[in-house]
Amino acid sequence: MGFVTIAKDGVYFLMEPWSDLEKRTFDICEMEMITYDFAFKYTPLIAPSHFERQNFEIVGREDNEAVRWAMAGNKSGKGAMVHGVKSVLCSQVQHSFLITHIRVATEDNIMADALSRGDLETFLAEALKLELPLYRMRLSPEQRSTVAYAHAKAAFKE
């Protein structure tokens, strides 16, 4: 699992491995949605100065077509995806930001892809080019939990 949030005051990033249970429970699209949701849920808590103003725009970049499709308001037959979209929308309301979702090609998503593949060296090489402080995010076990997504997946008729 990896995401990066680039703000004026720094580059915030998360890189954590998926558990074996998570890999058995979720497909790649669902894991991408969970990661996307975590980015919008927890970066505002860790970098509150960046999110303190009201009604500003954030651009969410995603190279997974299923996540982009779901975030564009299209129907998903996956409970974990539906749960993720609802959660991102709740974060948007809670933290008063407007979000625009765009699809980016994998080759243009270098930093996030490096993090999601556990390639810290490539991520750092790219991030340092931005000449901003780097902040590695750590989530508590409660924050890191994917249990709600697993429940949503089990309850949703796929």
N, C-alpha and C. Protein backbone atom coordinates (compact mmCIF):
# COMPACT_ATOMS: atom_id res chain seq x y z
N MET A 1 0.85 -1.16 0.00
CA MET A 1 0.00 0.00 0.00
C MET A 1 0.90 1.22 0.00
N GLY A 2 0.65 2.12 -0.91
CA GLY A 2 1.45 3.32 -0.94
C GLY A 2 0.70 4.48 -1.56
N PHE A 3 0.83 5.64 -0.94
CA PHE A 3 0.29 6.86 -1.54
C PHE A 3 1.19 8.03 -1.16
N VAL A 4 1.06 9.07 -1.94
CA VAL A 4 1.83 10.28 -1.70
C VAL A 4 0.89 11.48 -1.84
N THR A 5 1.02 12.43 -0.91
CA THR A 5 0.27 13.67 -0.98
C THR A 5 1.30 14.79 -1.05
N ILE A 6 1.23 15.57 -2.11
CA ILE A 6 2.16 16.68 -2.29
C ILE A 6 1.45 17.97 -1.91
N ALA A 7 1.97 18.63 -0.89
CA ALA A 7 1.41 19.88 -0.40
C ALA A 7 2.48 20.97 -0.48
N LYS A 8 2.08 22.20 -0.25
CA LYS A 8 3.04 23.31 -0.31
C LYS A 8 4.12 23.17 0.77
N ASP A 9 3.76 22.57 1.89
CA ASP A 9 4.69 22.48 3.01
C ASP A 9 5.46 21.16 3.08
N GLY A 10 5.22 20.25 2.14
CA GLY A 10 5.97 19.01 2.17
C GLY A 10 5.32 17.90 1.37
N VAL A 11 6.03 16.80 1.34
CA VAL A 11 5.56 15.59 0.67
C VAL A 11 5.26 14.56 1.75
N TYR A 12 4.00 14.18 1.87
CA TYR A 12 3.55 13.21 2.87
C TYR A 12 3.34 11.89 2.16
N PHE A 13 3.89 10.83 2.74
CA PHE A 13 3.74 9.55 2.06
C PHE A 13 3.55 8.41 3.05
N LEU A 14 2.91 7.37 2.54
CA LEU A 14 2.68 6.15 3.31
C LEU A 14 3.16 4.98 2.47
N MET A 15 3.84 4.06 3.11
CA MET A 15 4.26 2.83 2.45
C MET A 15 4.18 1.72 3.50
N GLU A 16 3.22 0.82 3.32
CA GLU A 16 3.03 -0.29 4.25
C GLU A 16 2.67 -1.53 3.46
N PRO A 17 3.11 -2.68 3.91
CA PRO A 17 2.78 -3.92 3.19
C PRO A 17 1.33 -4.35 3.44
N TRP A 18 0.76 -5.01 2.46
CA TRP A 18 -0.54 -5.65 2.64
C TRP A 18 -0.29 -6.96 3.38
N SER A 19 -1.20 -7.31 4.27
CA SER A 19 -1.08 -8.59 4.98
C SER A 19 -1.48 -9.72 4.03
N ASP A 20 -1.11 -10.93 4.36
CA ASP A 20 -1.53 -12.08 3.54
C ASP A 20 -3.05 -12.19 3.50
N LEU A 21 -3.71 -11.93 4.62
CA LEU A 21 -5.17 -11.98 4.66
C LEU A 21 -5.76 -10.93 3.73
N GLU A 22 -5.21 -9.71 3.74
CA GLU A 22 -5.72 -8.67 2.84
C GLU A 22 -5.53 -9.07 1.39
N LYS A 23 -4.40 -9.65 1.07
CA LYS A 23 -4.15 -10.08 -0.32
C LYS A 23 -5.11 -11.18 -0.75
N ARG A 24 -5.52 -12.02 0.18
CA ARG A 24 -6.51 -13.07 -0.16
C ARG A 24 -7.93 -12.51 -0.23
N THR A 25 -8.20 -11.46 0.53
CA THR A 25 -9.56 -10.91 0.63
C THR A 25 -9.89 -9.96 -0.51
N PHE A 26 -8.93 -9.12 -0.89
CA PHE A 26 -9.21 -8.05 -1.83
C PHE A 26 -8.47 -8.24 -3.15
N ASP A 27 -9.13 -7.83 -4.24
CA ASP A 27 -8.43 -7.83 -5.53
C ASP A 27 -7.68 -6.49 -5.67
N ILE A 28 -6.94 -6.33 -6.73
CA ILE A 28 -6.10 -5.15 -6.91
C ILE A 28 -6.92 -3.86 -6.95
N CYS A 29 -8.08 -3.88 -7.56
CA CYS A 29 -8.92 -2.68 -7.63
C CYS A 29 -9.38 -2.27 -6.23
N GLU A 30 -9.76 -3.25 -5.43
CA GLU A 30 -10.21 -2.96 -4.07
C GLU A 30 -9.05 -2.42 -3.22
N MET A 31 -7.87 -3.00 -3.38
CA MET A 31 -6.72 -2.50 -2.62
C MET A 31 -6.37 -1.07 -3.04
N GLU A 32 -6.49 -0.78 -4.33
CA GLU A 32 -6.25 0.59 -4.81
C GLU A 32 -7.26 1.55 -4.20
N MET A 33 -8.52 1.15 -4.12
CA MET A 33 -9.56 2.02 -3.54
C MET A 33 -9.30 2.24 -2.06
N ILE A 34 -8.92 1.20 -1.35
CA ILE A 34 -8.63 1.35 0.08
C ILE A 34 -7.48 2.35 0.27
N THR A 35 -6.46 2.22 -0.54
CA THR A 35 -5.31 3.13 -0.45
C THR A 35 -5.74 4.56 -0.75
N TYR A 36 -6.54 4.73 -1.78
CA TYR A 36 -7.05 6.05 -2.17
C TYR A 36 -7.84 6.66 -1.01
N ASP A 37 -8.70 5.84 -0.40
CA ASP A 37 -9.49 6.30 0.73
C ASP A 37 -8.59 6.70 1.90
N PHE A 38 -7.61 5.87 2.23
CA PHE A 38 -6.70 6.18 3.33
C PHE A 38 -5.98 7.51 3.09
N ALA A 39 -5.61 7.80 1.85
CA ALA A 39 -4.93 9.05 1.55
C ALA A 39 -5.78 10.26 1.93
N PHE A 40 -7.06 10.22 1.61
CA PHE A 40 -7.94 11.35 1.90
C PHE A 40 -8.45 11.35 3.32
N LYS A 41 -8.43 10.22 3.97
CA LYS A 41 -8.90 10.11 5.34
C LYS A 41 -7.82 10.55 6.33
N TYR A 42 -6.57 10.16 6.10
CA TYR A 42 -5.54 10.35 7.13
C TYR A 42 -4.55 11.48 6.86
N THR A 43 -4.33 11.86 5.62
CA THR A 43 -3.42 12.99 5.39
C THR A 43 -3.92 14.26 6.08
N PRO A 44 -5.22 14.57 6.06
CA PRO A 44 -5.67 15.78 6.77
C PRO A 44 -5.40 15.74 8.28
N LEU A 45 -5.37 14.56 8.86
CA LEU A 45 -5.11 14.44 10.29
C LEU A 45 -3.63 14.62 10.60
N ILE A 46 -2.78 14.19 9.68
CA ILE A 46 -1.35 14.24 9.89
C ILE A 46 -0.76 15.57 9.42
N ALA A 47 -1.38 16.19 8.45
CA ALA A 47 -0.91 17.47 7.91
C ALA A 47 -2.03 18.51 7.99
N PRO A 48 -2.51 18.83 9.19
CA PRO A 48 -3.68 19.70 9.30
C PRO A 48 -3.47 21.11 8.74
N SER A 49 -2.24 21.61 8.77
CA SER A 49 -2.02 22.97 8.26
C SER A 49 -2.35 23.08 6.77
N HIS A 50 -2.14 22.00 6.04
CA HIS A 50 -2.46 22.02 4.62
C HIS A 50 -3.97 22.00 4.37
N PHE A 51 -4.73 21.47 5.32
CA PHE A 51 -6.17 21.30 5.13
C PHE A 51 -7.01 22.28 5.95
N GLU A 52 -6.39 23.31 6.55
CA GLU A 52 -7.14 24.17 7.44
C GLU A 52 -8.02 25.18 6.72
N ARG A 53 -7.72 25.51 5.49
CA ARG A 53 -8.58 26.46 4.79
C ARG A 53 -9.82 25.74 4.26
N GLN A 54 -10.85 26.49 3.98
CA GLN A 54 -12.13 25.91 3.58
C GLN A 54 -12.30 25.89 2.07
N ASN A 55 -12.94 24.87 1.58
CA ASN A 55 -13.37 24.76 0.18
C ASN A 55 -12.25 24.97 -0.84
N PHE A 56 -11.16 24.26 -0.67
CA PHE A 56 -10.08 24.32 -1.65
C PHE A 56 -10.14 23.03 -2.47
N GLU A 57 -9.47 23.05 -3.59
CA GLU A 57 -9.55 21.90 -4.49
C GLU A 57 -8.32 21.00 -4.35
N ILE A 58 -8.59 19.72 -4.37
CA ILE A 58 -7.55 18.70 -4.38
C ILE A 58 -7.74 17.91 -5.67
N VAL A 59 -6.65 17.56 -6.29
CA VAL A 59 -6.71 16.69 -7.47
C VAL A 59 -6.24 15.31 -7.03
N GLY A 60 -7.14 14.34 -7.14
CA GLY A 60 -6.80 12.96 -6.82
C GLY A 60 -6.37 12.26 -8.10
N ARG A 61 -5.16 11.76 -8.11
CA ARG A 61 -4.61 11.08 -9.30
C ARG A 61 -4.64 9.58 -9.05
N GLU A 62 -5.21 8.85 -9.97
CA GLU A 62 -5.35 7.40 -9.80
C GLU A 62 -5.10 6.73 -11.14
N ASP A 63 -4.25 5.70 -11.14
CA ASP A 63 -3.98 5.01 -12.40
C ASP A 63 -4.79 3.73 -12.54
N ASN A 64 -5.66 3.45 -11.58
CA ASN A 64 -6.50 2.26 -11.65
C ASN A 64 -7.86 2.66 -12.24
N GLU A 65 -8.19 2.10 -13.37
CA GLU A 65 -9.41 2.48 -14.09
C GLU A 65 -10.68 2.21 -13.29
N ALA A 66 -10.71 1.11 -12.53
CA ALA A 66 -11.91 0.78 -11.75
C ALA A 66 -12.14 1.81 -10.64
N VAL A 67 -11.07 2.27 -10.02
CA VAL A 67 -11.20 3.30 -8.98
C VAL A 67 -11.66 4.61 -9.60
N ARG A 68 -11.06 5.00 -10.71
CA ARG A 68 -11.47 6.23 -11.38
C ARG A 68 -12.93 6.16 -11.79
N TRP A 69 -13.35 5.01 -12.29
CA TRP A 69 -14.74 4.79 -12.72
C TRP A 69 -15.69 4.96 -11.53
N ALA A 70 -15.36 4.33 -10.42
CA ALA A 70 -16.21 4.42 -9.22
C ALA A 70 -16.25 5.85 -8.67
N MET A 71 -15.08 6.52 -8.64
CA MET A 71 -15.04 7.88 -8.11
C MET A 71 -15.74 8.87 -9.03
N ALA A 72 -15.93 8.53 -10.28
CA ALA A 72 -16.65 9.39 -11.21
C ALA A 72 -18.17 9.23 -11.05
N GLY A 73 -18.58 8.41 -10.07
CA GLY A 73 -20.00 8.26 -9.79
C GLY A 73 -20.66 7.11 -10.51
N ASN A 74 -19.86 6.24 -11.08
CA ASN A 74 -20.42 5.09 -11.78
C ASN A 74 -20.61 3.91 -10.84
N LYS A 75 -21.56 3.08 -11.16
CA LYS A 75 -21.90 1.95 -10.31
C LYS A 75 -20.77 0.92 -10.27
N SER A 76 -20.55 0.42 -9.07
CA SER A 76 -19.57 -0.65 -8.89
C SER A 76 -20.28 -1.84 -8.28
N GLY A 77 -19.92 -3.02 -8.72
CA GLY A 77 -20.50 -4.24 -8.18
C GLY A 77 -19.68 -4.80 -7.04
N LYS A 78 -18.79 -4.00 -6.48
CA LYS A 78 -17.91 -4.48 -5.41
C LYS A 78 -18.17 -3.68 -4.14
N GLY A 79 -18.51 -4.36 -3.08
CA GLY A 79 -18.82 -3.71 -1.81
C GLY A 79 -17.67 -2.90 -1.25
N ALA A 80 -16.44 -3.41 -1.39
CA ALA A 80 -15.28 -2.67 -0.89
C ALA A 80 -15.10 -1.36 -1.65
N MET A 81 -15.40 -1.38 -2.95
CA MET A 81 -15.29 -0.17 -3.76
C MET A 81 -16.35 0.86 -3.33
N VAL A 82 -17.57 0.39 -3.13
CA VAL A 82 -18.67 1.27 -2.72
C VAL A 82 -18.33 1.90 -1.36
N HIS A 83 -17.85 1.07 -0.44
CA HIS A 83 -17.47 1.57 0.89
C HIS A 83 -16.37 2.63 0.75
N GLY A 84 -15.40 2.40 -0.10
CA GLY A 84 -14.31 3.35 -0.30
C GLY A 84 -14.80 4.68 -0.85
N VAL A 85 -15.69 4.65 -1.84
CA VAL A 85 -16.22 5.88 -2.42
C VAL A 85 -16.97 6.67 -1.34
N LYS A 86 -17.81 6.00 -0.57
CA LYS A 86 -18.55 6.68 0.50
C LYS A 86 -17.59 7.31 1.50
N SER A 87 -16.54 6.61 1.83
CA SER A 87 -15.58 7.11 2.80
C SER A 87 -14.82 8.32 2.28
N VAL A 88 -14.43 8.29 1.00
CA VAL A 88 -13.74 9.45 0.41
C VAL A 88 -14.68 10.65 0.42
N LEU A 89 -15.94 10.44 0.09
CA LEU A 89 -16.90 11.55 0.10
C LEU A 89 -17.10 12.09 1.50
N CYS A 90 -17.10 11.23 2.50
CA CYS A 90 -17.20 11.69 3.90
C CYS A 90 -15.99 12.54 4.27
N SER A 91 -14.80 12.12 3.85
CA SER A 91 -13.59 12.90 4.12
C SER A 91 -13.68 14.27 3.46
N GLN A 92 -14.21 14.29 2.26
CA GLN A 92 -14.35 15.55 1.53
C GLN A 92 -15.24 16.51 2.30
N VAL A 93 -16.35 16.03 2.83
CA VAL A 93 -17.26 16.88 3.59
C VAL A 93 -16.62 17.27 4.93
N GLN A 94 -16.03 16.31 5.61
CA GLN A 94 -15.43 16.56 6.92
C GLN A 94 -14.32 17.61 6.87
N HIS A 95 -13.50 17.56 5.83
CA HIS A 95 -12.35 18.44 5.74
C HIS A 95 -12.54 19.60 4.78
N SER A 96 -13.75 19.76 4.25
CA SER A 96 -14.13 20.90 3.41
C SER A 96 -13.23 21.11 2.19
N PHE A 97 -12.96 20.04 1.47
CA PHE A 97 -12.23 20.22 0.22
C PHE A 97 -13.07 19.72 -0.94
N LEU A 98 -12.81 20.28 -2.10
CA LEU A 98 -13.44 19.83 -3.34
C LEU A 98 -12.45 18.90 -4.00
N ILE A 99 -12.92 17.80 -4.51
CA ILE A 99 -11.99 16.84 -5.09
C ILE A 99 -12.31 16.60 -6.55
N THR A 100 -11.29 16.63 -7.36
CA THR A 100 -11.38 16.29 -8.77
C THR A 100 -10.54 15.04 -8.97
N HIS A 101 -11.13 14.03 -9.54
CA HIS A 101 -10.42 12.77 -9.76
C HIS A 101 -9.99 12.71 -11.22
N ILE A 102 -8.72 12.39 -11.41
CA ILE A 102 -8.26 12.21 -12.77
C ILE A 102 -7.53 10.89 -12.88
N ARG A 103 -7.59 10.33 -14.04
CA ARG A 103 -6.83 9.11 -14.30
C ARG A 103 -5.49 9.50 -14.88
N VAL A 104 -4.45 8.93 -14.34
CA VAL A 104 -3.11 9.16 -14.87
C VAL A 104 -2.56 7.82 -15.34
N ALA A 105 -1.75 7.87 -16.34
CA ALA A 105 -1.12 6.65 -16.82
C ALA A 105 -0.11 6.16 -15.77
N THR A 106 0.06 4.86 -15.70
CA THR A 106 0.98 4.27 -14.73
C THR A 106 2.36 4.90 -14.83
N GLU A 107 2.84 5.12 -16.04
CA GLU A 107 4.19 5.66 -16.20
C GLU A 107 4.30 7.11 -15.71
N ASP A 108 3.16 7.79 -15.50
CA ASP A 108 3.16 9.14 -14.97
C ASP A 108 2.87 9.18 -13.47
N ASN A 109 2.72 8.03 -12.88
CA ASN A 109 2.38 7.92 -11.46
C ASN A 109 3.56 7.30 -10.71
N ILE A 110 4.75 7.80 -11.01
CA ILE A 110 6.00 7.18 -10.58
C ILE A 110 6.10 7.06 -9.06
N MET A 111 5.85 8.15 -8.35
CA MET A 111 6.05 8.12 -6.90
C MET A 111 5.07 7.19 -6.20
N ALA A 112 3.79 7.29 -6.51
CA ALA A 112 2.81 6.43 -5.86
C ALA A 112 3.03 4.96 -6.23
N ASP A 113 3.35 4.71 -7.49
CA ASP A 113 3.62 3.33 -7.90
C ASP A 113 4.84 2.76 -7.19
N ALA A 114 5.87 3.56 -7.03
CA ALA A 114 7.07 3.09 -6.32
C ALA A 114 6.71 2.72 -4.89
N LEU A 115 5.91 3.54 -4.23
CA LEU A 115 5.51 3.24 -2.86
C LEU A 115 4.67 1.98 -2.78
N SER A 116 3.74 1.82 -3.72
CA SER A 116 2.86 0.65 -3.68
C SER A 116 3.62 -0.64 -3.98
N ARG A 117 4.78 -0.51 -4.59
CA ARG A 117 5.60 -1.69 -4.89
C ARG A 117 6.74 -1.86 -3.87
N GLY A 118 6.76 -1.01 -2.85
CA GLY A 118 7.79 -1.10 -1.83
C GLY A 118 9.16 -0.61 -2.27
N ASP A 119 9.19 0.20 -3.32
CA ASP A 119 10.45 0.70 -3.88
C ASP A 119 10.73 2.09 -3.32
N LEU A 120 11.21 2.13 -2.09
CA LEU A 120 11.46 3.41 -1.42
C LEU A 120 12.57 4.20 -2.12
N GLU A 121 13.55 3.53 -2.67
CA GLU A 121 14.67 4.20 -3.33
C GLU A 121 14.19 5.04 -4.53
N THR A 122 13.35 4.45 -5.39
CA THR A 122 12.81 5.20 -6.54
C THR A 122 11.94 6.35 -6.08
N PHE A 123 11.09 6.09 -5.08
CA PHE A 123 10.23 7.14 -4.55
C PHE A 123 11.08 8.32 -4.07
N LEU A 124 12.08 8.04 -3.24
CA LEU A 124 12.90 9.11 -2.67
C LEU A 124 13.64 9.88 -3.76
N ALA A 125 14.13 9.19 -4.77
CA ALA A 125 14.84 9.87 -5.87
C ALA A 125 13.91 10.86 -6.56
N GLU A 126 12.67 10.48 -6.79
CA GLU A 126 11.70 11.37 -7.45
C GLU A 126 11.23 12.47 -6.50
N ALA A 127 10.94 12.11 -5.25
CA ALA A 127 10.41 13.08 -4.29
C ALA A 127 11.42 14.18 -3.97
N LEU A 128 12.67 13.82 -3.89
CA LEU A 128 13.70 14.82 -3.57
C LEU A 128 13.83 15.89 -4.65
N LYS A 129 13.43 15.57 -5.87
CA LYS A 129 13.45 16.55 -6.96
C LYS A 129 12.49 17.72 -6.69
N LEU A 130 11.49 17.50 -5.85
CA LEU A 130 10.51 18.53 -5.54
C LEU A 130 11.05 19.56 -4.55
N GLU A 131 12.16 19.25 -3.92
CA GLU A 131 12.81 20.14 -2.96
C GLU A 131 11.88 20.58 -1.84
N LEU A 132 11.11 19.63 -1.33
CA LEU A 132 10.22 19.84 -0.19
C LEU A 132 10.58 18.85 0.90
N PRO A 133 10.29 19.18 2.16
CA PRO A 133 10.53 18.20 3.22
C PRO A 133 9.69 16.95 3.00
N LEU A 134 10.24 15.81 3.38
CA LEU A 134 9.53 14.53 3.27
C LEU A 134 9.04 14.10 4.64
N TYR A 135 7.78 13.64 4.70
CA TYR A 135 7.19 13.18 5.95
C TYR A 135 6.59 11.80 5.72
N ARG A 136 7.16 10.80 6.35
CA ARG A 136 6.61 9.45 6.23
C ARG A 136 5.48 9.29 7.24
N MET A 137 4.33 8.90 6.76
CA MET A 137 3.16 8.73 7.61
C MET A 137 3.15 7.31 8.18
N ARG A 138 2.72 7.20 9.41
CA ARG A 138 2.54 5.89 10.06
C ARG A 138 1.12 5.87 10.60
N LEU A 139 0.42 4.80 10.33
CA LEU A 139 -0.95 4.66 10.82
C LEU A 139 -0.98 3.72 12.01
N SER A 140 -1.85 4.02 12.94
CA SER A 140 -2.04 3.11 14.08
C SER A 140 -2.72 1.84 13.56
N PRO A 141 -2.66 0.76 14.31
CA PRO A 141 -3.35 -0.47 13.88
C PRO A 141 -4.85 -0.23 13.62
N GLU A 142 -5.46 0.62 14.43
CA GLU A 142 -6.88 0.91 14.22
C GLU A 142 -7.10 1.67 12.90
N GLN A 143 -6.27 2.65 12.63
CA GLN A 143 -6.37 3.40 11.37
C GLN A 143 -6.07 2.50 10.18
N ARG A 144 -5.14 1.61 10.32
CA ARG A 144 -4.68 0.74 9.23
C ARG A 144 -5.65 -0.41 8.93
N SER A 145 -6.61 -0.61 9.79
CA SER A 145 -7.53 -1.74 9.65
C SER A 145 -8.36 -1.68 8.36
N THR A 146 -8.49 -2.82 7.71
CA THR A 146 -9.34 -2.93 6.52
C THR A 146 -10.59 -3.77 6.79
N VAL A 147 -10.89 -3.97 8.06
CA VAL A 147 -12.03 -4.81 8.44
C VAL A 147 -13.34 -4.28 7.87
N ALA A 148 -13.55 -2.96 7.92
CA ALA A 148 -14.81 -2.39 7.41
C ALA A 148 -14.97 -2.67 5.92
N TYR A 149 -13.89 -2.67 5.16
CA TYR A 149 -13.95 -2.97 3.72
C TYR A 149 -14.28 -4.45 3.51
N ALA A 150 -13.71 -5.30 4.35
CA ALA A 150 -14.00 -6.74 4.24
C ALA A 150 -15.46 -7.01 4.55
N HIS A 151 -16.00 -6.34 5.57
CA HIS A 151 -17.42 -6.49 5.90
C HIS A 151 -18.31 -5.99 4.77
N ALA A 152 -17.94 -4.85 4.20
CA ALA A 152 -18.72 -4.29 3.09
C ALA A 152 -18.68 -5.24 1.89
N LYS A 153 -17.52 -5.83 1.66
CA LYS A 153 -17.39 -6.78 0.55
C LYS A 153 -18.26 -8.01 0.78
N ALA A 154 -18.23 -8.53 2.00
CA ALA A 154 -19.01 -9.74 2.32
C ALA A 154 -20.52 -9.48 2.26
N ALA A 155 -20.95 -8.27 2.63
CA ALA A 155 -22.36 -7.95 2.66
C ALA A 155 -22.92 -7.61 1.29
N PHE A 156 -22.07 -7.25 0.35
CA PHE A 156 -22.48 -6.81 -0.97
C PHE A 156 -22.55 -8.01 -1.90
N LYS A 157 -23.63 -8.17 -2.57
CA LYS A 157 -23.78 -9.28 -3.53
C LYS A 157 -23.02 -8.96 -4.79
N GLU A 158 -21.90 -9.63 -5.00
CA GLU A 158 -21.08 -9.36 -6.18
C GLU A 158 -21.48 -10.27 -7.32
